[in-house]
Amino acid sequence: MTALLRALGRSAALRTLPRLVLAALVGAGAELAGIALAGTATWLIVRAAERPPIAALAVAIAATCSPCSSTPRTRTTARA
């Protein structure tokens, strides 16, 4: 860390640190969202094997499909 401070200069390193922390937090959030999505999909598959009424699975279906359907909208707003 001290070598980085010397190489970039103290002010440049202090400007870079908040962006690095933000990137780490966003990365951790994305990882947790992926784990939650995989868990929801796994539960949905296991529960669907029991052949319950579709209404019993509706919330899990919506939770699993919503990240997929929001991706194009997110990409479109990112370009604008």
C-alpha atoms as a PDB file:
ATOM      1  CA  MET A   1       0.000   0.000   0.000  1.00  0.00           C
ATOM      2  CA  THR A   2       2.812   2.405   0.790  1.00  0.00           C
ATOM      3  CA  ALA A   3       4.424   1.673  -2.566  1.00  0.00           C
ATOM      4  CA  LEU A   4       1.131   2.547  -4.240  1.00  0.00           C
ATOM      5  CA  LEU A   5       0.932   5.798  -2.302  1.00  0.00           C
ATOM      6  CA  ARG A   6       4.459   6.713  -3.349  1.00  0.00           C
ATOM      7  CA  ALA A   7       3.925   5.691  -6.978  1.00  0.00           C
ATOM      8  CA  LEU A   8       0.683   7.564  -7.505  1.00  0.00           C
ATOM      9  CA  GLY A   9       1.301  10.395  -5.143  1.00  0.00           C
ATOM     10  CA  ARG A  10      -0.704  10.841  -1.971  1.00  0.00           C
ATOM     11  CA  SER A  11      -3.446  13.019  -3.485  1.00  0.00           C
ATOM     12  CA  ALA A  12      -3.990  10.688  -6.448  1.00  0.00           C
ATOM     13  CA  ALA A  13      -4.239   7.675  -4.145  1.00  0.00           C
ATOM     14  CA  LEU A  14      -6.760   9.430  -1.923  1.00  0.00           C
ATOM     15  CA  ARG A  15      -8.873  10.298  -4.981  1.00  0.00           C
ATOM     16  CA  THR A  16      -8.733   6.687  -6.190  1.00  0.00           C
ATOM     17  CA  LEU A  17      -9.608   5.057  -2.865  1.00  0.00           C
ATOM     18  CA  PRO A  18     -13.350   5.969  -2.776  1.00  0.00           C
ATOM     19  CA  ARG A  19     -13.814   4.623  -6.303  1.00  0.00           C
ATOM     20  CA  LEU A  20     -12.039   1.416  -5.325  1.00  0.00           C
ATOM     21  CA  VAL A  21     -14.258   0.980  -2.258  1.00  0.00           C
ATOM     22  CA  LEU A  22     -17.369   1.661  -4.333  1.00  0.00           C
ATOM     23  CA  ALA A  23     -16.277  -0.877  -6.944  1.00  0.00           C
ATOM     24  CA  ALA A  24     -15.696  -3.478  -4.229  1.00  0.00           C
ATOM     25  CA  LEU A  25     -19.139  -2.846  -2.730  1.00  0.00           C
ATOM     26  CA  VAL A  26     -20.859  -3.065  -6.113  1.00  0.00           C
ATOM     27  CA  GLY A  27     -18.970  -6.277  -6.865  1.00  0.00           C
ATOM     28  CA  ALA A  28     -19.980  -7.794  -3.533  1.00  0.00           C
ATOM     29  CA  GLY A  29     -23.595  -6.794  -4.131  1.00  0.00           C
ATOM     30  CA  ALA A  30     -23.561  -8.403  -7.573  1.00  0.00           C
ATOM     31  CA  GLU A  31     -22.097 -11.583  -6.105  1.00  0.00           C
ATOM     32  CA  LEU A  32     -24.786 -11.727  -3.414  1.00  0.00           C
ATOM     33  CA  ALA A  33     -27.508 -11.101  -5.991  1.00  0.00           C
ATOM     34  CA  GLY A  34     -26.174 -13.971  -8.090  1.00  0.00           C
ATOM     35  CA  ILE A  35     -26.181 -16.305  -5.103  1.00  0.00           C
ATOM     36  CA  ALA A  36     -29.735 -15.283  -4.213  1.00  0.00           C
ATOM     37  CA  LEU A  37     -30.885 -15.810  -7.794  1.00  0.00           C
ATOM     38  CA  ALA A  38     -29.291 -19.264  -7.935  1.00  0.00           C
ATOM     39  CA  GLY A  39     -30.902 -20.194  -4.621  1.00  0.00           C
ATOM     40  CA  THR A  40     -34.320 -19.021  -5.776  1.00  0.00           C
ATOM     41  CA  ALA A  41     -34.011 -20.939  -9.042  1.00  0.00           C
ATOM     42  CA  THR A  42     -32.934 -24.083  -7.193  1.00  0.00           C
ATOM     43  CA  TRP A  43     -35.861 -23.842  -4.795  1.00  0.00           C
ATOM     44  CA  LEU A  44     -38.216 -23.282  -7.728  1.00  0.00           C
ATOM     45  CA  ILE A  45     -36.989 -26.399  -9.536  1.00  0.00           C
ATOM     46  CA  VAL A  46     -37.225 -28.554  -6.416  1.00  0.00           C
ATOM     47  CA  ARG A  47     -40.670 -27.226  -5.520  1.00  0.00           C
ATOM     48  CA  ALA A  48     -41.953 -27.570  -9.101  1.00  0.00           C
ATOM     49  CA  ALA A  49     -40.991 -31.262  -9.050  1.00  0.00           C
ATOM     50  CA  GLU A  50     -43.700 -31.730  -6.418  1.00  0.00           C
ATOM     51  CA  ARG A  51     -46.261 -30.429  -8.988  1.00  0.00           C
ATOM     52  CA  PRO A  52     -48.083 -27.869  -6.791  1.00  0.00           C
ATOM     53  CA  PRO A  53     -50.645 -25.408  -8.184  1.00  0.00           C
ATOM     54  CA  ILE A  54     -48.967 -22.705 -10.262  1.00  0.00           C
ATOM     55  CA  ALA A  55     -50.134 -20.010  -7.838  1.00  0.00           C
ATOM     56  CA  ALA A  56     -47.864 -21.513  -5.172  1.00  0.00           C
ATOM     57  CA  LEU A  57     -44.856 -20.866  -7.419  1.00  0.00           C
ATOM     58  CA  ALA A  58     -45.850 -17.466  -8.801  1.00  0.00           C
ATOM     59  CA  VAL A  59     -43.681 -15.378  -6.462  1.00  0.00           C
ATOM     60  CA  ALA A  60     -40.579 -17.473  -7.123  1.00  0.00           C
ATOM     61  CA  ILE A  61     -41.203 -17.372 -10.870  1.00  0.00           C
ATOM     62  CA  ALA A  62     -41.438 -13.580 -10.760  1.00  0.00           C
ATOM     63  CA  ALA A  63     -38.313 -13.333  -8.585  1.00  0.00           C
ATOM     64  CA  THR A  64     -36.332 -15.520 -10.965  1.00  0.00           C
ATOM     65  CA  CYS A  65     -37.539 -13.866 -14.182  1.00  0.00           C
ATOM     66  CA  SER A  66     -37.356 -10.211 -13.129  1.00  0.00           C
ATOM     67  CA  PRO A  67     -33.534  -9.859 -13.283  1.00  0.00           C
ATOM     68  CA  CYS A  68     -33.579 -11.316 -16.797  1.00  0.00           C
ATOM     69  CA  SER A  69     -36.258  -8.967 -18.047  1.00  0.00           C
ATOM     70  CA  SER A  70     -34.661  -5.876 -16.511  1.00  0.00           C
ATOM     71  CA  THR A  71     -31.275  -6.431 -18.199  1.00  0.00           C
ATOM     72  CA  PRO A  72     -32.185  -4.868 -21.578  1.00  0.00           C
ATOM     73  CA  ARG A  73     -33.688  -1.826 -19.865  1.00  0.00           C
ATOM     74  CA  THR A  74     -30.551  -1.417 -17.758  1.00  0.00           C
ATOM     75  CA  ARG A  75     -28.320  -1.628 -20.818  1.00  0.00           C
ATOM     76  CA  THR A  76     -30.470   0.889 -22.690  1.00  0.00           C
ATOM     77  CA  THR A  77     -30.379   3.420 -19.861  1.00  0.00           C
ATOM     78  CA  ALA A  78     -26.621   2.933 -19.475  1.00  0.00           C
ATOM     79  CA  ARG A  79     -26.058   3.996 -23.084  1.00  0.00           C
ATOM     80  CA  ALA A  80     -28.269   7.062 -22.872  1.00  0.00           C
END
